[in-house]
């Protein structure tokens, strides 16, 4: 590919990323670059996350299971393949329904508060 630049990159498989327990029924895996972070959360049925807000833009992809998200005053059930985009500053929380849930959370900028708790692989 004459003249094509090589882009520095790294690649992982979730099976190789350390798992961190965040409390009963919640396990998190994290990977981050300079400006972006992705977390994979495995959450037991019935777990409810406390409503919270942060300055980070967040995109959540439901990989497995069903989860009831509350964003501000709005409530909606999401299932596999559904995607939720949250601008920074919005109050939100979630309740896992009747089966194990796997969520992919993407944050920008990187959640420095997460890194202080448990450093993970970075680009």
PDB file of N, CA and C in Angstrom:
ATOM      1  N   UNK A   1       0.852  -1.176   0.000  1.00  0.00           N
ATOM      2  CA  UNK A   1       0.000   0.000   0.000  1.00  0.00           C
ATOM      3  C   UNK A   1       0.893   1.232   0.000  1.00  0.00           C
ATOM      4  N   UNK A   2       1.503   1.523  -1.101  1.00  0.00           N
ATOM      5  CA  UNK A   2       2.469   2.597  -1.225  1.00  0.00           C
ATOM      6  C   UNK A   2       2.115   3.860  -0.478  1.00  0.00           C
ATOM      7  N   UNK A   3       2.959   4.243   0.456  1.00  0.00           N
ATOM      8  CA  UNK A   3       2.788   5.495   1.173  1.00  0.00           C
ATOM      9  C   UNK A   3       1.762   5.484   2.288  1.00  0.00           C
ATOM     10  N   UNK A   4       1.109   4.354   2.550  1.00  0.00           N
ATOM     11  CA  UNK A   4       0.103   4.305   3.613  1.00  0.00           C
ATOM     12  C   UNK A   4       0.787   4.385   4.970  1.00  0.00           C
ATOM     13  N   UNK A   5       0.233   5.207   5.830  1.00  0.00           N
ATOM     14  CA  UNK A   5       0.791   5.364   7.177  1.00  0.00           C
ATOM     15  C   UNK A   5       0.344   4.207   8.061  1.00  0.00           C
ATOM     16  N   UNK A   6       1.212   3.792   8.955  1.00  0.00           N
ATOM     17  CA  UNK A   6       0.850   2.800   9.955  1.00  0.00           C
ATOM     18  C   UNK A   6       0.260   3.537  11.146  1.00  0.00           C
ATOM     19  N   UNK A   7      -0.908   3.107  11.560  1.00  0.00           N
ATOM     20  CA  UNK A   7      -1.579   3.746  12.690  1.00  0.00           C
ATOM     21  C   UNK A   7      -1.236   2.972  13.956  1.00  0.00           C
ATOM     22  N   UNK A   8      -0.642   3.646  14.952  1.00  0.00           N
ATOM     23  CA  UNK A   8      -0.353   2.932  16.202  1.00  0.00           C
ATOM     24  C   UNK A   8      -1.662   2.488  16.854  1.00  0.00           C
ATOM     25  N   UNK A   9      -1.696   1.260  17.282  1.00  0.00           N
ATOM     26  CA  UNK A   9      -2.911   0.744  17.912  1.00  0.00           C
ATOM     27  C   UNK A   9      -2.562  -0.416  18.838  1.00  0.00           C
ATOM     28  N   UNK A  10      -3.540  -0.761  19.645  1.00  0.00           N
ATOM     29  CA  UNK A  10      -3.457  -1.951  20.472  1.00  0.00           C
ATOM     30  C   UNK A  10      -4.793  -2.652  20.359  1.00  0.00           C
ATOM     31  N   UNK A  11      -4.811  -3.939  20.636  1.00  0.00           N
ATOM     32  CA  UNK A  11      -6.047  -4.710  20.538  1.00  0.00           C
ATOM     33  C   UNK A  11      -6.133  -5.677  21.709  1.00  0.00           C
ATOM     34  N   UNK A  12      -7.342  -5.922  22.169  1.00  0.00           N
ATOM     35  CA  UNK A  12      -7.578  -6.834  23.280  1.00  0.00           C
ATOM     36  C   UNK A  12      -8.771  -7.719  22.980  1.00  0.00           C
ATOM     37  N   UNK A  13      -8.947  -8.723  23.807  1.00  0.00           N
ATOM     38  CA  UNK A  13     -10.153  -9.539  23.849  1.00  0.00           C
ATOM     39  C   UNK A  13     -10.657  -9.436  25.280  1.00  0.00           C
ATOM     40  N   UNK A  14     -11.974  -9.276  25.461  1.00  0.00           N
ATOM     41  CA  UNK A  14     -12.516  -9.115  26.819  1.00  0.00           C
ATOM     42  C   UNK A  14     -12.086 -10.253  27.745  1.00  0.00           C
ATOM     43  N   UNK A  15     -11.866 -11.447  27.199  1.00  0.00           N
ATOM     44  CA  UNK A  15     -11.463 -12.578  28.045  1.00  0.00           C
ATOM     45  C   UNK A  15     -10.114 -12.341  28.717  1.00  0.00           C
ATOM     46  N   UNK A  16      -9.296 -11.431  28.175  1.00  0.00           N
ATOM     47  CA  UNK A  16      -7.968 -11.172  28.737  1.00  0.00           C
ATOM     48  C   UNK A  16      -7.934  -9.959  29.669  1.00  0.00           C
ATOM     49  N   UNK A  17      -9.031  -9.239  29.773  1.00  0.00           N
ATOM     50  CA  UNK A  17      -9.074  -8.021  30.590  1.00  0.00           C
ATOM     51  C   UNK A  17      -9.469  -8.380  32.021  1.00  0.00           C
ATOM     52  N   UNK A  18      -8.719  -7.912  33.022  1.00  0.00           N
ATOM     53  CA  UNK A  18      -9.044  -8.223  34.418  1.00  0.00           C
ATOM     54  C   UNK A  18     -10.468  -7.797  34.786  1.00  0.00           C
ATOM     55  N   UNK A  19     -11.062  -8.574  35.674  1.00  0.00           N
ATOM     56  CA  UNK A  19     -12.408  -8.292  36.169  1.00  0.00           C
ATOM     57  C   UNK A  19     -12.294  -7.707  37.572  1.00  0.00           C
ATOM     58  N   UNK A  20     -13.084  -6.674  37.807  1.00  0.00           N
ATOM     59  CA  UNK A  20     -13.069  -5.980  39.094  1.00  0.00           C
ATOM     60  C   UNK A  20     -14.481  -6.007  39.680  1.00  0.00           C
ATOM     61  N   UNK A  21     -14.619  -6.508  40.910  1.00  0.00           N
ATOM     62  CA  UNK A  21     -15.925  -6.513  41.565  1.00  0.00           C
ATOM     63  C   UNK A  21     -16.215  -5.127  42.129  1.00  0.00           C
ATOM     64  N   UNK A  22     -17.391  -4.595  41.779  1.00  0.00           N
ATOM     65  CA  UNK A  22     -17.799  -3.280  42.287  1.00  0.00           C
ATOM     66  C   UNK A  22     -18.793  -3.401  43.428  1.00  0.00           C
ATOM     67  N   UNK A  23     -19.041  -4.623  43.866  1.00  0.00           N
ATOM     68  CA  UNK A  23     -20.026  -4.871  44.911  1.00  0.00           C
ATOM     69  C   UNK A  23     -20.844  -6.085  44.511  1.00  0.00           C
ATOM     70  N   UNK A  24     -21.820  -6.447  45.332  1.00  0.00           N
ATOM     71  CA  UNK A  24     -22.617  -7.639  45.043  1.00  0.00           C
ATOM     72  C   UNK A  24     -23.266  -7.583  43.656  1.00  0.00           C
ATOM     73  N   UNK A  25     -22.910  -8.554  42.815  1.00  0.00           N
ATOM     74  CA  UNK A  25     -23.568  -8.704  41.528  1.00  0.00           C
ATOM     75  C   UNK A  25     -23.101  -7.796  40.409  1.00  0.00           C
ATOM     76  N   UNK A  26     -22.003  -7.045  40.594  1.00  0.00           N
ATOM     77  CA  UNK A  26     -21.518  -6.153  39.533  1.00  0.00           C
ATOM     78  C   UNK A  26     -20.017  -6.375  39.316  1.00  0.00           C
ATOM     79  N   UNK A  27     -19.662  -6.729  38.081  1.00  0.00           N
ATOM     80  CA  UNK A  27     -18.261  -6.924  37.708  1.00  0.00           C
ATOM     81  C   UNK A  27     -17.957  -5.995  36.532  1.00  0.00           C
ATOM     82  N   UNK A  28     -16.817  -5.288  36.606  1.00  0.00           N
ATOM     83  CA  UNK A  28     -16.440  -4.339  35.555  1.00  0.00           C
ATOM     84  C   UNK A  28     -15.084  -4.698  34.968  1.00  0.00           C
ATOM     85  N   UNK A  29     -14.968  -4.516  33.651  1.00  0.00           N
ATOM     86  CA  UNK A  29     -13.702  -4.586  32.925  1.00  0.00           C
ATOM     87  C   UNK A  29     -13.534  -3.249  32.213  1.00  0.00           C
ATOM     88  N   UNK A  30     -12.283  -2.756  32.118  1.00  0.00           N
ATOM     89  CA  UNK A  30     -12.056  -1.432  31.532  1.00  0.00           C
ATOM     90  C   UNK A  30     -10.861  -1.434  30.593  1.00  0.00           C
ATOM     91  N   UNK A  31     -10.998  -0.642  29.526  1.00  0.00           N
ATOM     92  CA  UNK A  31      -9.894  -0.336  28.614  1.00  0.00           C
ATOM     93  C   UNK A  31     -10.022   1.150  28.296  1.00  0.00           C
ATOM     94  N   UNK A  32      -8.887   1.855  28.195  1.00  0.00           N
ATOM     95  CA  UNK A  32      -8.987   3.272  27.844  1.00  0.00           C
ATOM     96  C   UNK A  32      -7.813   3.717  26.997  1.00  0.00           C
ATOM     97  N   UNK A  33      -8.071   4.758  26.239  1.00  0.00           N
ATOM     98  CA  UNK A  33      -7.043   5.457  25.489  1.00  0.00           C
ATOM     99  C   UNK A  33      -6.850   6.809  26.131  1.00  0.00           C
ATOM    100  N   UNK A  34      -6.395   7.781  25.360  1.00  0.00           N
ATOM    101  CA  UNK A  34      -6.172   9.118  25.905  1.00  0.00           C
ATOM    102  C   UNK A  34      -7.471   9.879  26.132  1.00  0.00           C
ATOM    103  N   UNK A  35      -8.464   9.694  25.260  1.00  0.00           N
ATOM    104  CA  UNK A  35      -9.684  10.500  25.313  1.00  0.00           C
ATOM    105  C   UNK A  35     -10.962   9.685  25.404  1.00  0.00           C
ATOM    106  N   UNK A  36     -10.844   8.381  25.463  1.00  0.00           N
ATOM    107  CA  UNK A  36     -12.008   7.510  25.387  1.00  0.00           C
ATOM    108  C   UNK A  36     -11.821   6.315  26.309  1.00  0.00           C
ATOM    109  N   UNK A  37     -12.919   5.874  26.928  1.00  0.00           N
ATOM    110  CA  UNK A  37     -12.883   4.714  27.814  1.00  0.00           C
ATOM    111  C   UNK A  37     -14.058   3.812  27.479  1.00  0.00           C
ATOM    112  N   UNK A  38     -13.814   2.498  27.520  1.00  0.00           N
ATOM    113  CA  UNK A  38     -14.891   1.531  27.348  1.00  0.00           C
ATOM    114  C   UNK A  38     -14.877   0.586  28.544  1.00  0.00           C
ATOM    115  N   UNK A  39     -16.063   0.318  29.081  1.00  0.00           N
ATOM    116  CA  UNK A  39     -16.212  -0.587  30.217  1.00  0.00           C
ATOM    117  C   UNK A  39     -17.221  -1.662  29.842  1.00  0.00           C
ATOM    118  N   UNK A  40     -16.949  -2.878  30.254  1.00  0.00           N
ATOM    119  CA  UNK A  40     -17.901  -3.983  30.079  1.00  0.00           C
ATOM    120  C   UNK A  40     -18.358  -4.373  31.477  1.00  0.00           C
ATOM    121  N   UNK A  41     -19.658  -4.281  31.691  1.00  0.00           N
ATOM    122  CA  UNK A  41     -20.235  -4.583  32.998  1.00  0.00           C
ATOM    123  C   UNK A  41     -21.095  -5.835  32.904  1.00  0.00           C
ATOM    124  N   UNK A  42     -20.872  -6.772  33.813  1.00  0.00           N
ATOM    125  CA  UNK A  42     -21.710  -7.958  33.934  1.00  0.00           C
ATOM    126  C   UNK A  42     -22.457  -7.805  35.252  1.00  0.00           C
ATOM    127  N   UNK A  43     -23.797  -7.774  35.165  1.00  0.00           N
ATOM    128  CA  UNK A  43     -24.601  -7.402  36.327  1.00  0.00           C
ATOM    129  C   UNK A  43     -25.684  -8.452  36.564  1.00  0.00           C
ATOM    130  N   UNK A  44     -25.821  -8.887  37.812  1.00  0.00           N
ATOM    131  CA  UNK A  44     -26.788  -9.913  38.189  1.00  0.00           C
ATOM    132  C   UNK A  44     -28.224  -9.390  38.091  1.00  0.00           C
ATOM    133  N   UNK A  45     -29.180 -10.303  37.896  1.00  0.00           N
ATOM    134  CA  UNK A  45     -30.585  -9.900  37.861  1.00  0.00           C
ATOM    135  C   UNK A  45     -30.973  -9.188  39.160  1.00  0.00           C
ATOM    136  N   UNK A  46     -31.826  -8.184  39.049  1.00  0.00           N
ATOM    137  CA  UNK A  46     -32.345  -7.495  40.228  1.00  0.00           C
ATOM    138  C   UNK A  46     -31.477  -6.386  40.783  1.00  0.00           C
ATOM    139  N   UNK A  47     -30.245  -6.244  40.311  1.00  0.00           N
ATOM    140  CA  UNK A  47     -29.372  -5.175  40.808  1.00  0.00           C
ATOM    141  C   UNK A  47     -29.904  -3.826  40.320  1.00  0.00           C
ATOM    142  N   UNK A  48     -29.906  -2.847  41.219  1.00  0.00           N
ATOM    143  CA  UNK A  48     -30.336  -1.485  40.889  1.00  0.00           C
ATOM    144  C   UNK A  48     -29.152  -0.552  41.116  1.00  0.00           C
ATOM    145  N   UNK A  49     -28.838   0.273  40.120  1.00  0.00           N
ATOM    146  CA  UNK A  49     -27.765   1.253  40.292  1.00  0.00           C
ATOM    147  C   UNK A  49     -28.370   2.570  40.759  1.00  0.00           C
ATOM    148  N   UNK A  50     -27.695   3.223  41.661  1.00  0.00           N
ATOM    149  CA  UNK A  50     -28.152   4.495  42.205  1.00  0.00           C
ATOM    150  C   UNK A  50     -28.138   5.564  41.119  1.00  0.00           C
ATOM    151  N   UNK A  51     -29.167   6.409  41.107  1.00  0.00           N
ATOM    152  CA  UNK A  51     -29.190   7.523  40.155  1.00  0.00           C
ATOM    153  C   UNK A  51     -27.977   8.415  40.412  1.00  0.00           C
ATOM    154  N   UNK A  52     -27.342   8.841  39.327  1.00  0.00           N
ATOM    155  CA  UNK A  52     -26.132   9.651  39.436  1.00  0.00           C
ATOM    156  C   UNK A  52     -25.980  10.498  38.177  1.00  0.00           C
ATOM    157  N   UNK A  53     -25.035  11.412  38.219  1.00  0.00           N
ATOM    158  CA  UNK A  53     -24.698  12.209  37.036  1.00  0.00           C
ATOM    159  C   UNK A  53     -23.195  12.425  37.012  1.00  0.00           C
ATOM    160  N   UNK A  54     -22.684  12.726  35.832  1.00  0.00           N
ATOM    161  CA  UNK A  54     -21.261  13.020  35.668  1.00  0.00           C
ATOM    162  C   UNK A  54     -21.105  13.893  34.436  1.00  0.00           C
ATOM    163  N   UNK A  55     -19.957  14.516  34.302  1.00  0.00           N
ATOM    164  CA  UNK A  55     -19.724  15.431  33.180  1.00  0.00           C
ATOM    165  C   UNK A  55     -19.451  14.692  31.872  1.00  0.00           C
ATOM    166  N   UNK A  56     -19.176  13.414  31.953  1.00  0.00           N
ATOM    167  CA  UNK A  56     -18.777  12.628  30.782  1.00  0.00           C
ATOM    168  C   UNK A  56     -19.965  12.305  29.882  1.00  0.00           C
ATOM    169  N   UNK A  57     -19.739  12.380  28.571  1.00  0.00           N
ATOM    170  CA  UNK A  57     -20.715  11.859  27.626  1.00  0.00           C
ATOM    171  C   UNK A  57     -20.634  10.336  27.734  1.00  0.00           C
ATOM    172  N   UNK A  58     -21.781   9.664  27.693  1.00  0.00           N
ATOM    173  CA  UNK A  58     -21.817   8.212  27.870  1.00  0.00           C
ATOM    174  C   UNK A  58     -22.711   7.580  26.815  1.00  0.00           C
ATOM    175  N   UNK A  59     -22.230   6.481  26.249  1.00  0.00           N
ATOM    176  CA  UNK A  59     -23.050   5.669  25.367  1.00  0.00           C
ATOM    177  C   UNK A  59     -23.073   4.272  25.969  1.00  0.00           C
ATOM    178  N   UNK A  60     -24.271   3.709  26.124  1.00  0.00           N
ATOM    179  CA  UNK A  60     -24.418   2.375  26.696  1.00  0.00           C
ATOM    180  C   UNK A  60     -25.071   1.465  25.667  1.00  0.00           C
ATOM    181  N   UNK A  61     -24.451   0.308  25.456  1.00  0.00           N
ATOM    182  CA  UNK A  61     -24.973  -0.703  24.539  1.00  0.00           C
ATOM    183  C   UNK A  61     -25.362  -1.915  25.378  1.00  0.00           C
ATOM    184  N   UNK A  62     -26.590  -2.394  25.214  1.00  0.00           N
ATOM    185  CA  UNK A  62     -27.026  -3.601  25.914  1.00  0.00           C
ATOM    186  C   UNK A  62     -26.620  -4.796  25.055  1.00  0.00           C
ATOM    187  N   UNK A  63     -25.727  -5.603  25.608  1.00  0.00           N
ATOM    188  CA  UNK A  63     -25.240  -6.789  24.901  1.00  0.00           C
ATOM    189  C   UNK A  63     -26.103  -8.007  25.221  1.00  0.00           C
ATOM    190  N   UNK A  64     -26.574  -8.078  26.469  1.00  0.00           N
ATOM    191  CA  UNK A  64     -27.349  -9.238  26.927  1.00  0.00           C
ATOM    192  C   UNK A  64     -28.292  -8.796  28.033  1.00  0.00           C
ATOM    193  N   UNK A  65     -29.478  -9.409  28.089  1.00  0.00           N
ATOM    194  CA  UNK A  65     -30.423  -9.141  29.165  1.00  0.00           C
ATOM    195  C   UNK A  65     -31.306  -7.930  28.897  1.00  0.00           C
ATOM    196  N   UNK A  66     -32.116  -7.601  29.903  1.00  0.00           N
ATOM    197  CA  UNK A  66     -33.021  -6.451  29.811  1.00  0.00           C
ATOM    198  C   UNK A  66     -32.805  -5.565  31.029  1.00  0.00           C
ATOM    199  N   UNK A  67     -32.821  -4.271  30.792  1.00  0.00           N
ATOM    200  CA  UNK A  67     -32.540  -3.303  31.856  1.00  0.00           C
ATOM    201  C   UNK A  67     -33.491  -2.117  31.721  1.00  0.00           C
ATOM    202  N   UNK A  68     -33.995  -1.659  32.850  1.00  0.00           N
ATOM    203  CA  UNK A  68     -34.862  -0.480  32.879  1.00  0.00           C
ATOM    204  C   UNK A  68     -33.994   0.725  33.224  1.00  0.00           C
ATOM    205  N   UNK A  69     -33.834   1.626  32.261  1.00  0.00           N
ATOM    206  CA  UNK A  69     -33.082   2.855  32.486  1.00  0.00           C
ATOM    207  C   UNK A  69     -34.037   3.968  32.866  1.00  0.00           C
ATOM    208  N   UNK A  70     -33.616   4.782  33.818  1.00  0.00           N
ATOM    209  CA  UNK A  70     -34.330   6.008  34.167  1.00  0.00           C
ATOM    210  C   UNK A  70     -33.370   7.149  33.869  1.00  0.00           C
ATOM    211  N   UNK A  71     -33.802   8.053  32.984  1.00  0.00           N
ATOM    212  CA  UNK A  71     -33.000   9.225  32.623  1.00  0.00           C
ATOM    213  C   UNK A  71     -33.865  10.436  32.899  1.00  0.00           C
ATOM    214  N   UNK A  72     -33.471  11.218  33.912  1.00  0.00           N
ATOM    215  CA  UNK A  72     -34.322  12.327  34.342  1.00  0.00           C
ATOM    216  C   UNK A  72     -35.643  11.761  34.836  1.00  0.00           C
ATOM    217  N   UNK A  73     -36.744  12.163  34.236  1.00  0.00           N
ATOM    218  CA  UNK A  73     -38.077  11.666  34.606  1.00  0.00           C
ATOM    219  C   UNK A  73     -38.550  10.550  33.676  1.00  0.00           C
ATOM    220  N   UNK A  74     -37.755  10.230  32.666  1.00  0.00           N
ATOM    221  CA  UNK A  74     -38.160   9.253  31.656  1.00  0.00           C
ATOM    222  C   UNK A  74     -37.649   7.859  32.005  1.00  0.00           C
ATOM    223  N   UNK A  75     -38.484   6.846  31.752  1.00  0.00           N
ATOM    224  CA  UNK A  75     -38.140   5.459  32.054  1.00  0.00           C
ATOM    225  C   UNK A  75     -38.404   4.608  30.817  1.00  0.00           C
ATOM    226  N   UNK A  76     -37.456   3.691  30.519  1.00  0.00           N
ATOM    227  CA  UNK A  76     -37.626   2.838  29.337  1.00  0.00           C
ATOM    228  C   UNK A  76     -36.844   1.543  29.520  1.00  0.00           C
ATOM    229  N   UNK A  77     -37.410   0.433  29.023  1.00  0.00           N
ATOM    230  CA  UNK A  77     -36.733  -0.865  29.076  1.00  0.00           C
ATOM    231  C   UNK A  77     -35.944  -1.065  27.779  1.00  0.00           C
ATOM    232  N   UNK A  78     -34.674  -1.449  27.935  1.00  0.00           N
ATOM    233  CA  UNK A  78     -33.779  -1.712  26.809  1.00  0.00           C
ATOM    234  C   UNK A  78     -33.398  -3.188  26.815  1.00  0.00           C
ATOM    235  N   UNK A  79     -33.168  -3.746  25.628  1.00  0.00           N
ATOM    236  CA  UNK A  79     -32.747  -5.135  25.491  1.00  0.00           C
ATOM    237  C   UNK A  79     -31.560  -5.245  24.552  1.00  0.00           C
ATOM    238  N   UNK A  80     -31.143  -6.477  24.234  1.00  0.00           N
ATOM    239  CA  UNK A  80     -29.969  -6.696  23.399  1.00  0.00           C
ATOM    240  C   UNK A  80     -30.020  -5.894  22.093  1.00  0.00           C
ATOM    241  N   UNK A  81     -28.920  -5.201  21.817  1.00  0.00           N
ATOM    242  CA  UNK A  81     -28.815  -4.402  20.607  1.00  0.00           C
ATOM    243  C   UNK A  81     -29.242  -2.959  20.771  1.00  0.00           C
ATOM    244  N   UNK A  82     -29.914  -2.631  21.872  1.00  0.00           N
ATOM    245  CA  UNK A  82     -30.342  -1.246  22.104  1.00  0.00           C
ATOM    246  C   UNK A  82     -29.167  -0.402  22.576  1.00  0.00           C
ATOM    247  N   UNK A  83     -29.194   0.881  22.196  1.00  0.00           N
ATOM    248  CA  UNK A  83     -28.120   1.814  22.525  1.00  0.00           C
ATOM    249  C   UNK A  83     -28.731   3.067  23.141  1.00  0.00           C
ATOM    250  N   UNK A  84     -28.126   3.545  24.219  1.00  0.00           N
ATOM    251  CA  UNK A  84     -28.562   4.752  24.915  1.00  0.00           C
ATOM    252  C   UNK A  84     -27.422   5.759  24.894  1.00  0.00           C
ATOM    253  N   UNK A  85     -27.703   6.985  24.459  1.00  0.00           N
ATOM    254  CA  UNK A  85     -26.710   8.059  24.463  1.00  0.00           C
ATOM    255  C   UNK A  85     -27.104   9.072  25.527  1.00  0.00           C
ATOM    256  N   UNK A  86     -26.180   9.329  26.458  1.00  0.00           N
ATOM    257  CA  UNK A  86     -26.416  10.278  27.547  1.00  0.00           C
ATOM    258  C   UNK A  86     -25.414  11.421  27.467  1.00  0.00           C
ATOM    259  N   UNK A  87     -25.886  12.641  27.207  1.00  0.00           N
ATOM    260  CA  UNK A  87     -24.974  13.783  27.290  1.00  0.00           C
ATOM    261  C   UNK A  87     -24.512  13.949  28.738  1.00  0.00           C
ATOM    262  N   UNK A  88     -23.378  14.557  28.949  1.00  0.00           N
ATOM    263  CA  UNK A  88     -22.905  14.805  30.308  1.00  0.00           C
ATOM    264  C   UNK A  88     -23.910  15.631  31.098  1.00  0.00           C
ATOM    265  N   UNK A  89     -23.983  15.369  32.405  1.00  0.00           N
ATOM    266  CA  UNK A  89     -24.822  16.159  33.292  1.00  0.00           C
ATOM    267  C   UNK A  89     -26.222  15.629  33.519  1.00  0.00           C
ATOM    268  N   UNK A  90     -26.647  14.580  32.809  1.00  0.00           N
ATOM    269  CA  UNK A  90     -27.997  14.045  32.980  1.00  0.00           C
ATOM    270  C   UNK A  90     -28.034  13.024  34.116  1.00  0.00           C
ATOM    271  N   UNK A  91     -29.025  13.145  35.007  1.00  0.00           N
ATOM    272  CA  UNK A  91     -29.232  12.152  36.058  1.00  0.00           C
ATOM    273  C   UNK A  91     -29.733  10.876  35.405  1.00  0.00           C
ATOM    274  N   UNK A  92     -29.160   9.738  35.810  1.00  0.00           N
ATOM    275  CA  UNK A  92     -29.591   8.460  35.262  1.00  0.00           C
ATOM    276  C   UNK A  92     -29.288   7.329  36.238  1.00  0.00           C
ATOM    277  N   UNK A  93     -30.044   6.255  36.107  1.00  0.00           N
ATOM    278  CA  UNK A  93     -29.864   5.055  36.909  1.00  0.00           C
ATOM    279  C   UNK A  93     -30.459   3.886  36.147  1.00  0.00           C
ATOM    280  N   UNK A  94     -30.310   2.676  36.686  1.00  0.00           N
ATOM    281  CA  UNK A  94     -30.791   1.501  35.967  1.00  0.00           C
ATOM    282  C   UNK A  94     -31.171   0.393  36.938  1.00  0.00           C
ATOM    283  N   UNK A  95     -32.112  -0.443  36.498  1.00  0.00           N
ATOM    284  CA  UNK A  95     -32.513  -1.631  37.256  1.00  0.00           C
ATOM    285  C   UNK A  95     -32.442  -2.825  36.311  1.00  0.00           C
ATOM    286  N   UNK A  96     -31.680  -3.845  36.700  1.00  0.00           N
ATOM    287  CA  UNK A  96     -31.574  -5.053  35.890  1.00  0.00           C
ATOM    288  C   UNK A  96     -32.851  -5.858  36.095  1.00  0.00           C
ATOM    289  N   UNK A  97     -33.364  -6.429  35.033  1.00  0.00           N
ATOM    290  CA  UNK A  97     -34.618  -7.157  35.137  1.00  0.00           C
ATOM    291  C   UNK A  97     -34.367  -8.626  35.451  1.00  0.00           C
ATOM    292  N   UNK A  98     -34.923  -9.545  34.696  1.00  0.00           N
ATOM    293  CA  UNK A  98     -35.004 -10.941  35.112  1.00  0.00           C
ATOM    294  C   UNK A  98     -33.845 -11.855  34.721  1.00  0.00           C
ATOM    295  N   UNK A  99     -32.778 -11.321  34.157  1.00  0.00           N
ATOM    296  CA  UNK A  99     -31.639 -12.171  33.796  1.00  0.00           C
ATOM    297  C   UNK A  99     -30.344 -11.371  33.895  1.00  0.00           C
ATOM    298  N   UNK A 100     -29.209 -12.080  33.842  1.00  0.00           N
ATOM    299  CA  UNK A 100     -27.920 -11.391  33.869  1.00  0.00           C
ATOM    300  C   UNK A 100     -27.836 -10.402  32.707  1.00  0.00           C
ATOM    301  N   UNK A 101     -27.294  -9.231  32.988  1.00  0.00           N
ATOM    302  CA  UNK A 101     -27.173  -8.166  31.993  1.00  0.00           C
ATOM    303  C   UNK A 101     -25.693  -7.927  31.699  1.00  0.00           C
ATOM    304  N   UNK A 102     -25.371  -7.743  30.421  1.00  0.00           N
ATOM    305  CA  UNK A 102     -24.030  -7.309  30.030  1.00  0.00           C
ATOM    306  C   UNK A 102     -24.187  -5.994  29.282  1.00  0.00           C
ATOM    307  N   UNK A 103     -23.526  -4.961  29.807  1.00  0.00           N
ATOM    308  CA  UNK A 103     -23.571  -3.627  29.216  1.00  0.00           C
ATOM    309  C   UNK A 103     -22.176  -3.227  28.766  1.00  0.00           C
ATOM    310  N   UNK A 104     -22.112  -2.503  27.668  1.00  0.00           N
ATOM    311  CA  UNK A 104     -20.880  -1.859  27.229  1.00  0.00           C
ATOM    312  C   UNK A 104     -21.100  -0.366  27.424  1.00  0.00           C
ATOM    313  N   UNK A 105     -20.317   0.256  28.299  1.00  0.00           N
ATOM    314  CA  UNK A 105     -20.380   1.701  28.545  1.00  0.00           C
ATOM    315  C   UNK A 105     -19.162   2.356  27.909  1.00  0.00           C
ATOM    316  N   UNK A 106     -19.398   3.384  27.120  1.00  0.00           N
ATOM    317  CA  UNK A 106     -18.321   4.140  26.483  1.00  0.00           C
ATOM    318  C   UNK A 106     -18.385   5.560  27.018  1.00  0.00           C
ATOM    319  N   UNK A 107     -17.250   6.073  27.482  1.00  0.00           N
ATOM    320  CA  UNK A 107     -17.195   7.409  28.078  1.00  0.00           C
ATOM    321  C   UNK A 107     -16.167   8.282  27.373  1.00  0.00           C
ATOM    322  N   UNK A 108     -16.500   9.548  27.252  1.00  0.00           N
ATOM    323  CA  UNK A 108     -15.548  10.551  26.794  1.00  0.00           C
ATOM    324  C   UNK A 108     -15.824  11.838  27.566  1.00  0.00           C
ATOM    325  N   UNK A 109     -14.806  12.435  28.160  1.00  0.00           N
ATOM    326  CA  UNK A 109     -13.432  11.942  28.240  1.00  0.00           C
ATOM    327  C   UNK A 109     -13.334  10.735  29.178  1.00  0.00           C
ATOM    328  N   UNK A 110     -12.127  10.239  29.347  1.00  0.00           N
ATOM    329  CA  UNK A 110     -11.861   9.097  30.226  1.00  0.00           C
ATOM    330  C   UNK A 110     -12.339   9.403  31.643  1.00  0.00           C
ATOM    331  N   UNK A 111     -12.935   8.400  32.302  1.00  0.00           N
ATOM    332  CA  UNK A 111     -13.371   8.535  33.694  1.00  0.00           C
ATOM    333  C   UNK A 111     -12.160   8.364  34.610  1.00  0.00           C
ATOM    334  N   UNK A 112     -11.508   9.470  34.923  1.00  0.00           N
ATOM    335  CA  UNK A 112     -10.326   9.429  35.799  1.00  0.00           C
ATOM    336  C   UNK A 112     -10.672   8.842  37.162  1.00  0.00           C
ATOM    337  N   UNK A 113     -11.919   9.061  37.626  1.00  0.00           N
ATOM    338  CA  UNK A 113     -12.332   8.504  38.916  1.00  0.00           C
ATOM    339  C   UNK A 113     -12.304   6.978  38.886  1.00  0.00           C
ATOM    340  N   UNK A 114     -12.603   6.361  37.754  1.00  0.00           N
ATOM    341  CA  UNK A 114     -12.523   4.905  37.633  1.00  0.00           C
ATOM    342  C   UNK A 114     -11.067   4.452  37.681  1.00  0.00           C
ATOM    343  N   UNK A 115     -10.183   5.190  37.034  1.00  0.00           N
ATOM    344  CA  UNK A 115      -8.771   4.800  36.965  1.00  0.00           C
ATOM    345  C   UNK A 115      -8.100   4.855  38.327  1.00  0.00           C
ATOM    346  N   UNK A 116      -8.482   5.812  39.150  1.00  0.00           N
ATOM    347  CA  UNK A 116      -7.899   5.915  40.493  1.00  0.00           C
ATOM    348  C   UNK A 116      -8.229   4.679  41.306  1.00  0.00           C
ATOM    349  N   UNK A 117      -9.405   4.105  41.052  1.00  0.00           N
ATOM    350  CA  UNK A 117      -9.827   2.921  41.796  1.00  0.00           C
ATOM    351  C   UNK A 117      -9.090   1.670  41.323  1.00  0.00           C
ATOM    352  N   UNK A 118      -8.845   1.560  40.012  1.00  0.00           N
ATOM    353  CA  UNK A 118      -8.223   0.345  39.484  1.00  0.00           C
ATOM    354  C   UNK A 118      -7.632   0.596  38.105  1.00  0.00           C
ATOM    355  N   UNK A 119      -6.327   0.860  38.017  1.00  0.00           N
ATOM    356  CA  UNK A 119      -5.699   1.084  36.708  1.00  0.00           C
ATOM    357  C   UNK A 119      -5.886  -0.118  35.786  1.00  0.00           C
ATOM    358  N   UNK A 120      -6.073   0.157  34.510  1.00  0.00           N
ATOM    359  CA  UNK A 120      -6.301  -0.887  33.514  1.00  0.00           C
ATOM    360  C   UNK A 120      -5.453  -0.625  32.273  1.00  0.00           C
ATOM    361  N   UNK A 121      -5.454  -1.569  31.323  1.00  0.00           N
ATOM    362  CA  UNK A 121      -4.687  -1.375  30.093  1.00  0.00           C
ATOM    363  C   UNK A 121      -5.065  -0.080  29.394  1.00  0.00           C
ATOM    364  N   UNK A 122      -4.087   0.575  28.797  1.00  0.00           N
ATOM    365  CA  UNK A 122      -4.369   1.799  28.045  1.00  0.00           C
ATOM    366  C   UNK A 122      -3.612   1.783  26.729  1.00  0.00           C
ATOM    367  N   UNK A 123      -4.101   2.562  25.790  1.00  0.00           N
ATOM    368  CA  UNK A 123      -3.463   2.675  24.479  1.00  0.00           C
ATOM    369  C   UNK A 123      -2.258   3.569  24.611  1.00  0.00           C
TER     370      UNK A 123
END
